[in-house]
Amino acid sequence: MDVIEVTDDTCLACDNNKDAPAFVRAYVYARYPSGVTAAFCASHGRQHRAELIAKGATILDLSHLVHE
């Protein structure tokens, strides 16, 4: 399993949306070839998955843990 370290465990896309709740836990993590990392909630992870892969990102998807 890949290890992707992020500095913040909240969804990047939700944090940039003023209408989203203040804290939305991330379950999908991406590391770009440059080493930059990003974290997304399960919904935004699914929404952006194809784009992330197209940009060469390594994806760690833990969205199966949402309901545990």
PDB file of N, CA and C in Angstrom:
ATOM      1  N   MET A   1       0.845  -1.177   0.000  1.00  0.00           N
ATOM      2  CA  MET A   1       0.000   0.000   0.000  1.00  0.00           C
ATOM      3  C   MET A   1       0.890   1.240   0.000  1.00  0.00           C
ATOM      4  N   ASP A   2       0.507   2.210  -0.808  1.00  0.00           N
ATOM      5  CA  ASP A   2       1.221   3.477  -0.832  1.00  0.00           C
ATOM      6  C   ASP A   2       0.951   4.258   0.444  1.00  0.00           C
ATOM      7  N   VAL A   3       1.932   5.021   0.859  1.00  0.00           N
ATOM      8  CA  VAL A   3       1.768   5.940   1.983  1.00  0.00           C
ATOM      9  C   VAL A   3       1.814   7.347   1.406  1.00  0.00           C
ATOM     10  N   ILE A   4       0.783   8.105   1.681  1.00  0.00           N
ATOM     11  CA  ILE A   4       0.729   9.489   1.220  1.00  0.00           C
ATOM     12  C   ILE A   4       0.531  10.365   2.441  1.00  0.00           C
ATOM     13  N   GLU A   5       1.536  11.157   2.749  1.00  0.00           N
ATOM     14  CA  GLU A   5       1.451  12.048   3.911  1.00  0.00           C
ATOM     15  C   GLU A   5       0.865  13.386   3.489  1.00  0.00           C
ATOM     16  N   VAL A   6      -0.127  13.835   4.231  1.00  0.00           N
ATOM     17  CA  VAL A   6      -0.738  15.137   3.987  1.00  0.00           C
ATOM     18  C   VAL A   6      -0.660  15.948   5.272  1.00  0.00           C
ATOM     19  N   THR A   7      -0.650  17.259   5.126  1.00  0.00           N
ATOM     20  CA  THR A   7      -0.573  18.121   6.304  1.00  0.00           C
ATOM     21  C   THR A   7      -1.946  18.368   6.917  1.00  0.00           C
ATOM     22  N   ASP A   8      -3.005  18.177   6.133  1.00  0.00           N
ATOM     23  CA  ASP A   8      -4.356  18.426   6.618  1.00  0.00           C
ATOM     24  C   ASP A   8      -5.254  17.284   6.166  1.00  0.00           C
ATOM     25  N   ASP A   9      -6.030  16.730   7.075  1.00  0.00           N
ATOM     26  CA  ASP A   9      -6.887  15.577   6.793  1.00  0.00           C
ATOM     27  C   ASP A   9      -8.320  15.996   6.480  1.00  0.00           C
ATOM     28  N   THR A  10      -8.472  17.166   5.865  1.00  0.00           N
ATOM     29  CA  THR A  10      -9.793  17.621   5.454  1.00  0.00           C
ATOM     30  C   THR A  10      -9.814  17.741   3.936  1.00  0.00           C
ATOM     31  N   CYS A  11     -11.005  17.708   3.377  1.00  0.00           N
ATOM     32  CA  CYS A  11     -11.168  17.743   1.930  1.00  0.00           C
ATOM     33  C   CYS A  11     -10.776  19.106   1.366  1.00  0.00           C
ATOM     34  N   LEU A  12      -9.838  19.098   0.446  1.00  0.00           N
ATOM     35  CA  LEU A  12      -9.383  20.322  -0.200  1.00  0.00           C
ATOM     36  C   LEU A  12     -10.516  21.002  -0.956  1.00  0.00           C
ATOM     37  N   ALA A  13     -11.322  20.227  -1.670  1.00  0.00           N
ATOM     38  CA  ALA A  13     -12.418  20.797  -2.463  1.00  0.00           C
ATOM     39  C   ALA A  13     -13.502  21.396  -1.569  1.00  0.00           C
ATOM     40  N   CYS A  14     -13.811  20.738  -0.450  1.00  0.00           N
ATOM     41  CA  CYS A  14     -14.816  21.281   0.476  1.00  0.00           C
ATOM     42  C   CYS A  14     -14.294  22.544   1.165  1.00  0.00           C
ATOM     43  N   ASP A  15     -13.004  22.559   1.495  1.00  0.00           N
ATOM     44  CA  ASP A  15     -12.422  23.734   2.138  1.00  0.00           C
ATOM     45  C   ASP A  15     -12.505  24.958   1.231  1.00  0.00           C
ATOM     46  N   ASN A  16     -12.473  24.735  -0.097  1.00  0.00           N
ATOM     47  CA  ASN A  16     -12.541  25.845  -1.048  1.00  0.00           C
ATOM     48  C   ASN A  16     -13.971  26.232  -1.401  1.00  0.00           C
ATOM     49  N   ASN A  17     -14.945  25.553  -0.792  1.00  0.00           N
ATOM     50  CA  ASN A  17     -16.358  25.815  -1.077  1.00  0.00           C
ATOM     51  C   ASN A  17     -16.987  26.481   0.146  1.00  0.00           C
ATOM     52  N   LYS A  18     -17.338  27.734   0.028  1.00  0.00           N
ATOM     53  CA  LYS A  18     -17.878  28.467   1.181  1.00  0.00           C
ATOM     54  C   LYS A  18     -19.211  27.907   1.674  1.00  0.00           C
ATOM     55  N   ASP A  19     -19.912  27.131   0.844  1.00  0.00           N
ATOM     56  CA  ASP A  19     -21.191  26.559   1.242  1.00  0.00           C
ATOM     57  C   ASP A  19     -21.054  25.183   1.895  1.00  0.00           C
ATOM     58  N   ALA A  20     -19.848  24.625   1.922  1.00  0.00           N
ATOM     59  CA  ALA A  20     -19.626  23.295   2.512  1.00  0.00           C
ATOM     60  C   ALA A  20     -19.438  23.420   4.022  1.00  0.00           C
ATOM     61  N   PRO A  21     -19.653  22.330   4.748  1.00  0.00           N
ATOM     62  CA  PRO A  21     -19.393  22.348   6.190  1.00  0.00           C
ATOM     63  C   PRO A  21     -17.930  22.711   6.472  1.00  0.00           C
ATOM     64  N   ALA A  22     -17.661  23.192   7.658  1.00  0.00           N
ATOM     65  CA  ALA A  22     -16.316  23.666   8.003  1.00  0.00           C
ATOM     66  C   ALA A  22     -15.269  22.551   7.992  1.00  0.00           C
ATOM     67  N   PHE A  23     -15.644  21.332   8.369  1.00  0.00           N
ATOM     68  CA  PHE A  23     -14.686  20.232   8.415  1.00  0.00           C
ATOM     69  C   PHE A  23     -15.300  19.006   7.752  1.00  0.00           C
ATOM     70  N   VAL A  24     -14.723  18.593   6.650  1.00  0.00           N
ATOM     71  CA  VAL A  24     -15.160  17.371   5.969  1.00  0.00           C
ATOM     72  C   VAL A  24     -13.940  16.472   5.870  1.00  0.00           C
ATOM     73  N   ARG A  25     -14.032  15.320   6.531  1.00  0.00           N
ATOM     74  CA  ARG A  25     -12.887  14.408   6.599  1.00  0.00           C
ATOM     75  C   ARG A  25     -12.542  13.854   5.230  1.00  0.00           C
ATOM     76  N   ALA A  26     -11.247  13.771   4.978  1.00  0.00           N
ATOM     77  CA  ALA A  26     -10.751  13.224   3.721  1.00  0.00           C
ATOM     78  C   ALA A  26     -10.655  11.701   3.796  1.00  0.00           C
ATOM     79  N   TYR A  27     -10.961  11.052   2.690  1.00  0.00           N
ATOM     80  CA  TYR A  27     -10.835   9.601   2.559  1.00  0.00           C
ATOM     81  C   TYR A  27     -10.073   9.215   1.293  1.00  0.00           C
ATOM     82  N   VAL A  28      -9.851  10.171   0.409  1.00  0.00           N
ATOM     83  CA  VAL A  28      -9.123   9.922  -0.829  1.00  0.00           C
ATOM     84  C   VAL A  28      -7.923  10.864  -0.859  1.00  0.00           C
ATOM     85  N   TYR A  29      -6.756  10.277  -1.052  1.00  0.00           N
ATOM     86  CA  TYR A  29      -5.513  11.048  -1.017  1.00  0.00           C
ATOM     87  C   TYR A  29      -4.799  10.896  -2.350  1.00  0.00           C
ATOM     88  N   ALA A  30      -4.194  11.972  -2.807  1.00  0.00           N
ATOM     89  CA  ALA A  30      -3.491  11.955  -4.086  1.00  0.00           C
ATOM     90  C   ALA A  30      -2.099  12.548  -3.909  1.00  0.00           C
ATOM     91  N   ARG A  31      -1.135  11.938  -4.599  1.00  0.00           N
ATOM     92  CA  ARG A  31       0.222  12.500  -4.639  1.00  0.00           C
ATOM     93  C   ARG A  31       0.584  12.673  -6.109  1.00  0.00           C
ATOM     94  N   TYR A  32       0.850  13.917  -6.487  1.00  0.00           N
ATOM     95  CA  TYR A  32       1.237  14.232  -7.853  1.00  0.00           C
ATOM     96  C   TYR A  32       2.705  13.864  -8.066  1.00  0.00           C
ATOM     97  N   PRO A  33       3.122  13.684  -9.310  1.00  0.00           N
ATOM     98  CA  PRO A  33       4.526  13.365  -9.578  1.00  0.00           C
ATOM     99  C   PRO A  33       5.507  14.383  -8.981  1.00  0.00           C
ATOM    100  N   SER A  34       5.063  15.608  -8.802  1.00  0.00           N
ATOM    101  CA  SER A  34       5.917  16.653  -8.221  1.00  0.00           C
ATOM    102  C   SER A  34       6.133  16.456  -6.724  1.00  0.00           C
ATOM    103  N   GLY A  35       5.319  15.562  -6.106  1.00  0.00           N
ATOM    104  CA  GLY A  35       5.401  15.349  -4.663  1.00  0.00           C
ATOM    105  C   GLY A  35       4.328  16.083  -3.891  1.00  0.00           C
ATOM    106  N   VAL A  36       3.623  16.991  -4.538  1.00  0.00           N
ATOM    107  CA  VAL A  36       2.528  17.721  -3.901  1.00  0.00           C
ATOM    108  C   VAL A  36       1.409  16.728  -3.598  1.00  0.00           C
ATOM    109  N   THR A  37       0.781  16.871  -2.437  1.00  0.00           N
ATOM    110  CA  THR A  37      -0.299  15.978  -2.051  1.00  0.00           C
ATOM    111  C   THR A  37      -1.599  16.751  -1.853  1.00  0.00           C
ATOM    112  N   ALA A  38      -2.700  16.038  -1.977  1.00  0.00           N
ATOM    113  CA  ALA A  38      -4.019  16.631  -1.782  1.00  0.00           C
ATOM    114  C   ALA A  38      -4.924  15.591  -1.148  1.00  0.00           C
ATOM    115  N   ALA A  39      -5.908  16.053  -0.393  1.00  0.00           N
ATOM    116  CA  ALA A  39      -6.851  15.165   0.284  1.00  0.00           C
ATOM    117  C   ALA A  39      -8.262  15.578  -0.098  1.00  0.00           C
ATOM    118  N   PHE A  40      -9.131  14.565  -0.306  1.00  0.00           N
ATOM    119  CA  PHE A  40     -10.502  14.817  -0.731  1.00  0.00           C
ATOM    120  C   PHE A  40     -11.470  13.941   0.053  1.00  0.00           C
ATOM    121  N   CYS A  41     -12.691  14.428   0.254  1.00  0.00           N
ATOM    122  CA  CYS A  41     -13.744  13.580   0.807  1.00  0.00           C
ATOM    123  C   CYS A  41     -14.067  12.503  -0.233  1.00  0.00           C
ATOM    124  N   ALA A  42     -14.838  11.512   0.148  1.00  0.00           N
ATOM    125  CA  ALA A  42     -15.158  10.423  -0.778  1.00  0.00           C
ATOM    126  C   ALA A  42     -15.856  10.950  -2.037  1.00  0.00           C
ATOM    127  N   SER A  43     -16.783  11.877  -1.861  1.00  0.00           N
ATOM    128  CA  SER A  43     -17.528  12.414  -2.998  1.00  0.00           C
ATOM    129  C   SER A  43     -16.622  13.154  -3.981  1.00  0.00           C
ATOM    130  N   HIS A  44     -15.805  14.068  -3.477  1.00  0.00           N
ATOM    131  CA  HIS A  44     -14.905  14.807  -4.356  1.00  0.00           C
ATOM    132  C   HIS A  44     -13.800  13.909  -4.906  1.00  0.00           C
ATOM    133  N   GLY A  45     -13.399  12.907  -4.149  1.00  0.00           N
ATOM    134  CA  GLY A  45     -12.411  11.951  -4.649  1.00  0.00           C
ATOM    135  C   GLY A  45     -12.928  11.232  -5.880  1.00  0.00           C
ATOM    136  N   ARG A  46     -14.193  10.782  -5.832  1.00  0.00           N
ATOM    137  CA  ARG A  46     -14.798  10.136  -7.001  1.00  0.00           C
ATOM    138  C   ARG A  46     -14.931  11.127  -8.152  1.00  0.00           C
ATOM    139  N   GLN A  47     -15.349  12.348  -7.820  1.00  0.00           N
ATOM    140  CA  GLN A  47     -15.571  13.370  -8.843  1.00  0.00           C
ATOM    141  C   GLN A  47     -14.277  13.718  -9.587  1.00  0.00           C
ATOM    142  N   HIS A  48     -13.167  13.788  -8.898  1.00  0.00           N
ATOM    143  CA  HIS A  48     -11.906  14.246  -9.486  1.00  0.00           C
ATOM    144  C   HIS A  48     -10.945  13.114  -9.852  1.00  0.00           C
ATOM    145  N   ARG A  49     -11.325  11.868  -9.598  1.00  0.00           N
ATOM    146  CA  ARG A  49     -10.422  10.723  -9.787  1.00  0.00           C
ATOM    147  C   ARG A  49      -9.795  10.675 -11.182  1.00  0.00           C
ATOM    148  N   ALA A  50     -10.601  10.741 -12.227  1.00  0.00           N
ATOM    149  CA  ALA A  50     -10.080  10.648 -13.600  1.00  0.00           C
ATOM    150  C   ALA A  50      -9.076  11.764 -13.889  1.00  0.00           C
ATOM    151  N   GLU A  51      -9.389  12.967 -13.436  1.00  0.00           N
ATOM    152  CA  GLU A  51      -8.493  14.109 -13.648  1.00  0.00           C
ATOM    153  C   GLU A  51      -7.175  13.916 -12.898  1.00  0.00           C
ATOM    154  N   LEU A  52      -7.244  13.420 -11.671  1.00  0.00           N
ATOM    155  CA  LEU A  52      -6.037  13.181 -10.888  1.00  0.00           C
ATOM    156  C   LEU A  52      -5.146  12.136 -11.558  1.00  0.00           C
ATOM    157  N   ILE A  53      -5.760  11.060 -12.017  1.00  0.00           N
ATOM    158  CA  ILE A  53      -4.998  10.006 -12.690  1.00  0.00           C
ATOM    159  C   ILE A  53      -4.392  10.531 -13.989  1.00  0.00           C
ATOM    160  N   ALA A  54      -5.156  11.328 -14.736  1.00  0.00           N
ATOM    161  CA  ALA A  54      -4.650  11.910 -15.983  1.00  0.00           C
ATOM    162  C   ALA A  54      -3.424  12.794 -15.735  1.00  0.00           C
ATOM    163  N   LYS A  55      -3.364  13.395 -14.552  1.00  0.00           N
ATOM    164  CA  LYS A  55      -2.217  14.245 -14.201  1.00  0.00           C
ATOM    165  C   LYS A  55      -1.076  13.437 -13.597  1.00  0.00           C
ATOM    166  N   GLY A  56      -1.233  12.098 -13.558  1.00  0.00           N
ATOM    167  CA  GLY A  56      -0.168  11.233 -13.069  1.00  0.00           C
ATOM    168  C   GLY A  56      -0.140  11.033 -11.574  1.00  0.00           C
ATOM    169  N   ALA A  57      -1.211  11.392 -10.898  1.00  0.00           N
ATOM    170  CA  ALA A  57      -1.250  11.269  -9.437  1.00  0.00           C
ATOM    171  C   ALA A  57      -1.394   9.807  -9.012  1.00  0.00           C
ATOM    172  N   THR A  58      -0.755   9.478  -7.897  1.00  0.00           N
ATOM    173  CA  THR A  58      -0.960   8.200  -7.224  1.00  0.00           C
ATOM    174  C   THR A  58      -2.133   8.409  -6.280  1.00  0.00           C
ATOM    175  N   ILE A  59      -3.108   7.496  -6.307  1.00  0.00           N
ATOM    176  CA  ILE A  59      -4.324   7.645  -5.515  1.00  0.00           C
ATOM    177  C   ILE A  59      -4.359   6.594  -4.411  1.00  0.00           C
ATOM    178  N   LEU A  60      -4.669   7.036  -3.208  1.00  0.00           N
ATOM    179  CA  LEU A  60      -4.950   6.137  -2.091  1.00  0.00           C
ATOM    180  C   LEU A  60      -6.400   6.397  -1.703  1.00  0.00           C
ATOM    181  N   ASP A  61      -7.275   5.429  -1.997  1.00  0.00           N
ATOM    182  CA  ASP A  61      -8.711   5.598  -1.784  1.00  0.00           C
ATOM    183  C   ASP A  61      -9.155   4.763  -0.596  1.00  0.00           C
ATOM    184  N   LEU A  62      -9.518   5.429   0.483  1.00  0.00           N
ATOM    185  CA  LEU A  62      -9.999   4.765   1.703  1.00  0.00           C
ATOM    186  C   LEU A  62     -11.488   5.030   1.901  1.00  0.00           C
ATOM    187  N   SER A  63     -12.183   5.359   0.831  1.00  0.00           N
ATOM    188  CA  SER A  63     -13.595   5.718   0.939  1.00  0.00           C
ATOM    189  C   SER A  63     -14.471   4.565   1.428  1.00  0.00           C
ATOM    190  N   HIS A  64     -13.983   3.346   1.347  1.00  0.00           N
ATOM    191  CA  HIS A  64     -14.741   2.212   1.884  1.00  0.00           C
ATOM    192  C   HIS A  64     -14.878   2.302   3.408  1.00  0.00           C
ATOM    193  N   LEU A  65     -14.100   3.166   4.035  1.00  0.00           N
ATOM    194  CA  LEU A  65     -14.146   3.333   5.485  1.00  0.00           C
ATOM    195  C   LEU A  65     -15.166   4.388   5.935  1.00  0.00           C
ATOM    196  N   VAL A  66     -15.836   5.018   5.008  1.00  0.00           N
ATOM    197  CA  VAL A  66     -16.771   6.107   5.331  1.00  0.00           C
ATOM    198  C   VAL A  66     -17.817   5.667   6.342  1.00  0.00           C
ATOM    199  N   HIS A  67     -18.366   4.503   6.189  1.00  0.00           N
ATOM    200  CA  HIS A  67     -19.463   4.066   7.046  1.00  0.00           C
ATOM    201  C   HIS A  67     -19.035   3.123   8.160  1.00  0.00           C
ATOM    202  N   GLU A  68     -17.750   3.055   8.420  1.00  0.00           N
ATOM    203  CA  GLU A  68     -17.275   2.187   9.520  1.00  0.00           C
ATOM    204  C   GLU A  68     -17.254   2.938  10.814  1.00  0.00           C
TER     205      GLU A  68
END
